[in-house]
Amino acid sequence: MQIAVLTFEGFNELDSFVAAAILNRMKSHGWAAHITSPTEQVTSMNGVTVQRQKPLAFAAQADAILIGSGIRTREIAADSGLLARIRLDPARQLIAAQCSGTLVLAKLGLIGDLPACTDLTTKPWVIEAGVKVIDAPFVAHGNVATAGGCLASQYLATWMIARRASMPDAREAMHYVAPVGEKALYVDRAISVVAPFMPPKAAAAA
């Protein structure tokens, strides 16, 4: 399972790094989440510069894609040349977007009239793009999921693991990263958020 974590200039560290770290708990199962960017290096909204692990073209080959947010997302969503380089296939890939990443997903035509989640700052722009925004941390429709709020990245990671591995695997990954003394609370919350959007058999295993 190869995952492209789309990370653009001005990115939000919580969106890209938290989800990638949780997904990489599945390394023993052959999973790998890669920071995927259009340039060799990208600098976060707080000045953290990182080297990309994969080029943007990798998104077309990946099994799953997570689009993070950042302070320059409106520029990215308006850049038709850049958007044309992002080739995604919801029939084959799991596709998730976090906060303002939902705006990019909308501009790529992958949300349509389905309800979606985003952060409160981005909400007006996503509505302007023709998307119905709901007051929830996570929602999924088939292979496409959106989340709102930086720390909702844990739900996207939980959903991806549950969808492509199993609920027990998702529980284990979340259990590892959850705070000591609150592990059961964090795991149960994450599972309860994603379970309603899982296939019946998988949801029953929650």
C-alpha atoms as a PDB file:
ATOM      1  CA  MET A   1       0.000   0.000   0.000  1.00  0.00           C
ATOM      2  CA  GLN A   2       1.689   3.157  -1.249  1.00  0.00           C
ATOM      3  CA  ILE A   3       0.261   6.482  -0.074  1.00  0.00           C
ATOM      4  CA  ALA A   4       0.932   9.952  -1.469  1.00  0.00           C
ATOM      5  CA  VAL A   5       0.588  12.686   1.144  1.00  0.00           C
ATOM      6  CA  LEU A   6       0.218  15.744  -1.081  1.00  0.00           C
ATOM      7  CA  THR A   7       2.147  18.539   0.601  1.00  0.00           C
ATOM      8  CA  PHE A   8       2.375  22.000  -0.958  1.00  0.00           C
ATOM      9  CA  GLU A   9       4.235  25.218  -0.184  1.00  0.00           C
ATOM     10  CA  GLY A  10       2.818  26.757   3.007  1.00  0.00           C
ATOM     11  CA  PHE A  11       1.569  23.375   4.215  1.00  0.00           C
ATOM     12  CA  ASN A  12       0.129  22.664   7.660  1.00  0.00           C
ATOM     13  CA  GLU A  13       2.514  20.333   9.506  1.00  0.00           C
ATOM     14  CA  LEU A  14      -0.246  18.636  11.485  1.00  0.00           C
ATOM     15  CA  ASP A  15      -2.111  17.592   8.344  1.00  0.00           C
ATOM     16  CA  SER A  16       0.837  16.032   6.550  1.00  0.00           C
ATOM     17  CA  PHE A  17       2.960  14.671   9.379  1.00  0.00           C
ATOM     18  CA  VAL A  18       0.347  13.307  11.804  1.00  0.00           C
ATOM     19  CA  ALA A  19      -1.480  11.304   9.151  1.00  0.00           C
ATOM     20  CA  ALA A  20       1.780  10.086   7.576  1.00  0.00           C
ATOM     21  CA  ALA A  21       3.135   8.970  10.951  1.00  0.00           C
ATOM     22  CA  ILE A  22       0.009   6.968  11.785  1.00  0.00           C
ATOM     23  CA  LEU A  23      -0.154   5.388   8.322  1.00  0.00           C
ATOM     24  CA  ASN A  24       3.511   4.421   8.552  1.00  0.00           C
ATOM     25  CA  ARG A  25       2.687   2.338  11.618  1.00  0.00           C
ATOM     26  CA  MET A  26       1.653  -0.171   8.922  1.00  0.00           C
ATOM     27  CA  LYS A  27       5.191  -0.564   7.538  1.00  0.00           C
ATOM     28  CA  SER A  28       5.337  -4.185   8.629  1.00  0.00           C
ATOM     29  CA  HIS A  29       2.367  -4.784   6.313  1.00  0.00           C
ATOM     30  CA  GLY A  30       4.187  -3.245   3.363  1.00  0.00           C
ATOM     31  CA  TRP A  31       2.630   0.225   3.688  1.00  0.00           C
ATOM     32  CA  ALA A  32       4.497   3.478   3.131  1.00  0.00           C
ATOM     33  CA  ALA A  33       3.215   7.059   3.279  1.00  0.00           C
ATOM     34  CA  HIS A  34       5.361   9.507   1.307  1.00  0.00           C
ATOM     35  CA  ILE A  35       5.517  13.309   1.456  1.00  0.00           C
ATOM     36  CA  THR A  36       4.648  14.088  -2.157  1.00  0.00           C
ATOM     37  CA  SER A  37       5.213  17.567  -3.570  1.00  0.00           C
ATOM     38  CA  PRO A  38       5.459  19.468  -6.876  1.00  0.00           C
ATOM     39  CA  THR A  39       8.905  20.836  -5.926  1.00  0.00           C
ATOM     40  CA  GLU A  40      12.034  19.276  -4.405  1.00  0.00           C
ATOM     41  CA  GLN A  41      11.481  21.166  -1.158  1.00  0.00           C
ATOM     42  CA  VAL A  42       8.441  22.736   0.476  1.00  0.00           C
ATOM     43  CA  THR A  43       8.277  25.065   3.450  1.00  0.00           C
ATOM     44  CA  SER A  44       5.442  24.878   5.962  1.00  0.00           C
ATOM     45  CA  MET A  45       3.266  27.723   7.202  1.00  0.00           C
ATOM     46  CA  ASN A  46       5.568  27.891  10.238  1.00  0.00           C
ATOM     47  CA  GLY A  47       8.842  27.861   8.333  1.00  0.00           C
ATOM     48  CA  VAL A  48       9.727  24.165   8.458  1.00  0.00           C
ATOM     49  CA  THR A  49      11.399  23.134   5.182  1.00  0.00           C
ATOM     50  CA  VAL A  50      11.273  19.478   4.167  1.00  0.00           C
ATOM     51  CA  GLN A  51      12.603  17.432   1.258  1.00  0.00           C
ATOM     52  CA  ARG A  52       9.913  15.654  -0.707  1.00  0.00           C
ATOM     53  CA  GLN A  53      10.006  11.868  -0.842  1.00  0.00           C
ATOM     54  CA  LYS A  54       8.058  11.556  -4.075  1.00  0.00           C
ATOM     55  CA  PRO A  55       7.279  13.904  -6.992  1.00  0.00           C
ATOM     56  CA  LEU A  56       3.717  15.000  -7.716  1.00  0.00           C
ATOM     57  CA  ALA A  57       3.392  12.452 -10.543  1.00  0.00           C
ATOM     58  CA  PHE A  58       3.578   9.687  -7.913  1.00  0.00           C
ATOM     59  CA  ALA A  59      -0.029  10.478  -6.951  1.00  0.00           C
ATOM     60  CA  ALA A  60      -1.254   8.808 -10.152  1.00  0.00           C
ATOM     61  CA  GLN A  61       0.485   5.554  -9.194  1.00  0.00           C
ATOM     62  CA  ALA A  62      -0.295   5.512  -5.472  1.00  0.00           C
ATOM     63  CA  ASP A  63      -2.929   3.283  -3.887  1.00  0.00           C
ATOM     64  CA  ALA A  64      -4.161   6.154  -1.728  1.00  0.00           C
ATOM     65  CA  ILE A  65      -3.838   9.928  -1.632  1.00  0.00           C
ATOM     66  CA  LEU A  66      -4.150  12.361   1.247  1.00  0.00           C
ATOM     67  CA  ILE A  67      -4.354  16.066   0.385  1.00  0.00           C
ATOM     68  CA  GLY A  68      -3.235  18.249   3.258  1.00  0.00           C
ATOM     69  CA  SER A  69      -3.990  21.916   3.801  1.00  0.00           C
ATOM     70  CA  GLY A  70      -1.948  25.085   4.109  1.00  0.00           C
ATOM     71  CA  ILE A  71      -1.949  28.857   3.906  1.00  0.00           C
ATOM     72  CA  ARG A  72      -1.543  28.887   0.112  1.00  0.00           C
ATOM     73  CA  THR A  73      -4.280  26.423  -0.775  1.00  0.00           C
ATOM     74  CA  ARG A  74      -6.463  29.026  -2.477  1.00  0.00           C
ATOM     75  CA  GLU A  75      -3.582  29.798  -4.840  1.00  0.00           C
ATOM     76  CA  ILE A  76      -3.022  26.098  -5.476  1.00  0.00           C
ATOM     77  CA  ALA A  77      -6.731  25.489  -6.110  1.00  0.00           C
ATOM     78  CA  ALA A  78      -6.730  28.345  -8.641  1.00  0.00           C
ATOM     79  CA  ASP A  79      -3.644  27.071 -10.493  1.00  0.00           C
ATOM     80  CA  SER A  80      -5.118  25.102 -13.403  1.00  0.00           C
ATOM     81  CA  GLY A  81      -1.667  24.057 -14.591  1.00  0.00           C
ATOM     82  CA  LEU A  82      -0.803  22.521 -11.234  1.00  0.00           C
ATOM     83  CA  LEU A  83      -4.209  20.857 -10.869  1.00  0.00           C
ATOM     84  CA  ALA A  84      -3.802  19.283 -14.315  1.00  0.00           C
ATOM     85  CA  ARG A  85      -0.713  17.497 -12.996  1.00  0.00           C
ATOM     86  CA  ILE A  86      -2.700  15.795 -10.213  1.00  0.00           C
ATOM     87  CA  ARG A  87      -4.155  12.622 -11.728  1.00  0.00           C
ATOM     88  CA  LEU A  88      -6.441  10.755  -9.328  1.00  0.00           C
ATOM     89  CA  ASP A  89      -8.804   7.807  -9.842  1.00  0.00           C
ATOM     90  CA  PRO A  90     -11.471   7.282  -7.133  1.00  0.00           C
ATOM     91  CA  ALA A  91     -12.458   3.984  -8.739  1.00  0.00           C
ATOM     92  CA  ARG A  92      -9.049   2.554  -7.834  1.00  0.00           C
ATOM     93  CA  GLN A  93      -7.602   4.813  -5.152  1.00  0.00           C
ATOM     94  CA  LEU A  94      -8.626   5.889  -1.682  1.00  0.00           C
ATOM     95  CA  ILE A  95      -8.657   9.690  -1.744  1.00  0.00           C
ATOM     96  CA  ALA A  96      -8.808  11.862   1.363  1.00  0.00           C
ATOM     97  CA  ALA A  97      -8.586  15.602   1.934  1.00  0.00           C
ATOM     98  CA  GLN A  98      -7.927  17.567   5.092  1.00  0.00           C
ATOM     99  CA  CYS A  99      -9.258  21.083   5.814  1.00  0.00           C
ATOM    100  CA  SER A 100      -8.408  23.340   2.854  1.00  0.00           C
ATOM    101  CA  GLY A 101      -7.314  20.241   0.954  1.00  0.00           C
ATOM    102  CA  THR A 102     -11.065  19.773   0.463  1.00  0.00           C
ATOM    103  CA  LEU A 103     -11.006  22.880  -1.744  1.00  0.00           C
ATOM    104  CA  VAL A 104      -8.385  21.249  -3.970  1.00  0.00           C
ATOM    105  CA  LEU A 105     -10.488  18.079  -4.098  1.00  0.00           C
ATOM    106  CA  ALA A 106     -13.513  20.149  -5.119  1.00  0.00           C
ATOM    107  CA  LYS A 107     -11.553  21.888  -7.876  1.00  0.00           C
ATOM    108  CA  LEU A 108     -10.448  18.481  -9.148  1.00  0.00           C
ATOM    109  CA  GLY A 109     -14.125  17.571  -9.520  1.00  0.00           C
ATOM    110  CA  LEU A 110     -13.994  14.710  -7.024  1.00  0.00           C
ATOM    111  CA  ILE A 111     -16.669  15.907  -4.603  1.00  0.00           C
ATOM    112  CA  GLY A 112     -19.482  17.117  -6.838  1.00  0.00           C
ATOM    113  CA  ASP A 113     -22.678  17.691  -4.896  1.00  0.00           C
ATOM    114  CA  LEU A 114     -21.756  15.332  -2.054  1.00  0.00           C
ATOM    115  CA  PRO A 115     -21.504  16.842   1.442  1.00  0.00           C
ATOM    116  CA  ALA A 116     -17.947  17.361   2.667  1.00  0.00           C
ATOM    117  CA  CYS A 117     -15.957  18.458   5.712  1.00  0.00           C
ATOM    118  CA  THR A 118     -13.422  21.266   5.977  1.00  0.00           C
ATOM    119  CA  ASP A 119     -12.072  23.716   8.532  1.00  0.00           C
ATOM    120  CA  LEU A 120     -13.986  26.834   9.535  1.00  0.00           C
ATOM    121  CA  THR A 121     -11.633  29.236   7.730  1.00  0.00           C
ATOM    122  CA  THR A 122     -11.899  27.379   4.423  1.00  0.00           C
ATOM    123  CA  LYS A 123     -15.629  26.715   4.683  1.00  0.00           C
ATOM    124  CA  PRO A 124     -16.785  29.825   2.723  1.00  0.00           C
ATOM    125  CA  TRP A 125     -14.394  29.042  -0.143  1.00  0.00           C
ATOM    126  CA  VAL A 126     -15.511  25.418  -0.350  1.00  0.00           C
ATOM    127  CA  ILE A 127     -19.161  26.519  -0.366  1.00  0.00           C
ATOM    128  CA  GLU A 128     -18.299  29.023  -3.093  1.00  0.00           C
ATOM    129  CA  ALA A 129     -16.875  26.091  -5.089  1.00  0.00           C
ATOM    130  CA  GLY A 130     -20.352  24.518  -5.004  1.00  0.00           C
ATOM    131  CA  VAL A 131     -19.829  22.022  -2.195  1.00  0.00           C
ATOM    132  CA  LYS A 132     -22.232  21.471   0.690  1.00  0.00           C
ATOM    133  CA  VAL A 133     -20.183  21.645   3.902  1.00  0.00           C
ATOM    134  CA  ILE A 134     -21.391  19.777   6.974  1.00  0.00           C
ATOM    135  CA  ASP A 135     -20.527  20.465  10.620  1.00  0.00           C
ATOM    136  CA  ALA A 136     -18.622  17.232  11.252  1.00  0.00           C
ATOM    137  CA  PRO A 137     -15.003  16.125  11.628  1.00  0.00           C
ATOM    138  CA  PHE A 138     -15.153  13.383   8.990  1.00  0.00           C
ATOM    139  CA  VAL A 139     -17.310  12.052   6.200  1.00  0.00           C
ATOM    140  CA  ALA A 140     -16.712   9.479   3.461  1.00  0.00           C
ATOM    141  CA  HIS A 141     -18.532   8.588   0.273  1.00  0.00           C
ATOM    142  CA  GLY A 142     -17.182   5.380  -1.207  1.00  0.00           C
ATOM    143  CA  ASN A 143     -13.469   5.872  -1.792  1.00  0.00           C
ATOM    144  CA  VAL A 144     -13.453   9.621  -1.121  1.00  0.00           C
ATOM    145  CA  ALA A 145     -13.220  11.106   2.382  1.00  0.00           C
ATOM    146  CA  THR A 146     -12.876  14.603   3.815  1.00  0.00           C
ATOM    147  CA  ALA A 147     -12.056  15.867   7.290  1.00  0.00           C
ATOM    148  CA  GLY A 148     -12.238  19.214   9.061  1.00  0.00           C
ATOM    149  CA  GLY A 149      -9.865  20.469  11.747  1.00  0.00           C
ATOM    150  CA  CYS A 150      -6.127  19.811  11.979  1.00  0.00           C
ATOM    151  CA  LEU A 151      -6.372  16.953  14.461  1.00  0.00           C
ATOM    152  CA  ALA A 152      -9.019  15.234  12.331  1.00  0.00           C
ATOM    153  CA  SER A 153      -6.060  13.865  10.355  1.00  0.00           C
ATOM    154  CA  GLN A 154      -6.180  10.907  12.767  1.00  0.00           C
ATOM    155  CA  TYR A 155      -9.606  10.024  11.356  1.00  0.00           C
ATOM    156  CA  LEU A 156      -8.352  10.001   7.778  1.00  0.00           C
ATOM    157  CA  ALA A 157      -5.506   7.679   8.760  1.00  0.00           C
ATOM    158  CA  THR A 158      -7.859   5.423  10.734  1.00  0.00           C
ATOM    159  CA  TRP A 159     -10.259   5.255   7.772  1.00  0.00           C
ATOM    160  CA  MET A 160      -7.526   4.368   5.286  1.00  0.00           C
ATOM    161  CA  ILE A 161      -6.138   1.594   7.481  1.00  0.00           C
ATOM    162  CA  ALA A 162      -9.592   0.209   8.229  1.00  0.00           C
ATOM    163  CA  ARG A 163     -10.540   0.274   4.540  1.00  0.00           C
ATOM    164  CA  ARG A 164      -7.417  -1.302   3.091  1.00  0.00           C
ATOM    165  CA  ALA A 165      -6.308  -3.482   6.018  1.00  0.00           C
ATOM    166  CA  SER A 166      -8.744  -4.088   8.892  1.00  0.00           C
ATOM    167  CA  MET A 167     -10.430  -2.519  11.885  1.00  0.00           C
ATOM    168  CA  PRO A 168      -8.061  -4.349  14.274  1.00  0.00           C
ATOM    169  CA  ASP A 169      -5.116  -2.874  12.367  1.00  0.00           C
ATOM    170  CA  ALA A 170      -6.647   0.596  12.630  1.00  0.00           C
ATOM    171  CA  ARG A 171      -7.149   0.111  16.362  1.00  0.00           C
ATOM    172  CA  GLU A 172      -3.560  -1.009  16.810  1.00  0.00           C
ATOM    173  CA  ALA A 173      -2.125   1.957  14.909  1.00  0.00           C
ATOM    174  CA  MET A 174      -4.222   4.437  16.855  1.00  0.00           C
ATOM    175  CA  HIS A 175      -3.443   2.720  20.143  1.00  0.00           C
ATOM    176  CA  TYR A 176       0.274   3.237  19.543  1.00  0.00           C
ATOM    177  CA  VAL A 177       0.018   7.001  18.977  1.00  0.00           C
ATOM    178  CA  ALA A 178      -2.702   7.769  21.545  1.00  0.00           C
ATOM    179  CA  PRO A 179      -1.733   9.398  24.877  1.00  0.00           C
ATOM    180  CA  VAL A 180      -0.887   7.097  27.763  1.00  0.00           C
ATOM    181  CA  GLY A 181      -3.810   6.763  30.142  1.00  0.00           C
ATOM    182  CA  GLU A 182      -6.252   7.755  27.376  1.00  0.00           C
ATOM    183  CA  LYS A 183      -5.554   5.093  24.775  1.00  0.00           C
ATOM    184  CA  ALA A 184      -8.934   3.357  24.948  1.00  0.00           C
ATOM    185  CA  LEU A 185     -10.680   6.733  24.776  1.00  0.00           C
ATOM    186  CA  TYR A 186      -8.759   7.850  21.676  1.00  0.00           C
ATOM    187  CA  VAL A 187      -9.079   4.506  19.889  1.00  0.00           C
ATOM    188  CA  ASP A 188     -12.799   4.182  20.555  1.00  0.00           C
ATOM    189  CA  ARG A 189     -13.417   7.764  19.416  1.00  0.00           C
ATOM    190  CA  ALA A 190     -11.513   7.284  16.145  1.00  0.00           C
ATOM    191  CA  ILE A 191     -13.277   4.014  15.368  1.00  0.00           C
ATOM    192  CA  SER A 192     -16.697   5.440  16.216  1.00  0.00           C
ATOM    193  CA  VAL A 193     -16.127   8.329  13.794  1.00  0.00           C
ATOM    194  CA  VAL A 194     -15.131   6.209  10.788  1.00  0.00           C
ATOM    195  CA  ALA A 195     -17.232   3.068  11.395  1.00  0.00           C
ATOM    196  CA  PRO A 196     -20.495   4.539   9.984  1.00  0.00           C
ATOM    197  CA  PHE A 197     -18.721   4.999   6.635  1.00  0.00           C
ATOM    198  CA  MET A 198     -17.287   1.506   6.404  1.00  0.00           C
ATOM    199  CA  PRO A 199     -18.751  -1.458   4.477  1.00  0.00           C
ATOM    200  CA  PRO A 200     -21.178  -3.364   6.773  1.00  0.00           C
ATOM    201  CA  LYS A 201     -18.859  -6.325   7.326  1.00  0.00           C
ATOM    202  CA  ALA A 202     -15.913  -4.116   8.283  1.00  0.00           C
ATOM    203  CA  ALA A 203     -18.071  -1.882  10.489  1.00  0.00           C
ATOM    204  CA  ALA A 204     -19.283  -4.940  12.367  1.00  0.00           C
ATOM    205  CA  ALA A 205     -15.675  -5.720  13.261  1.00  0.00           C
ATOM    206  CA  ALA A 206     -15.355  -2.361  15.012  1.00  0.00           C
END
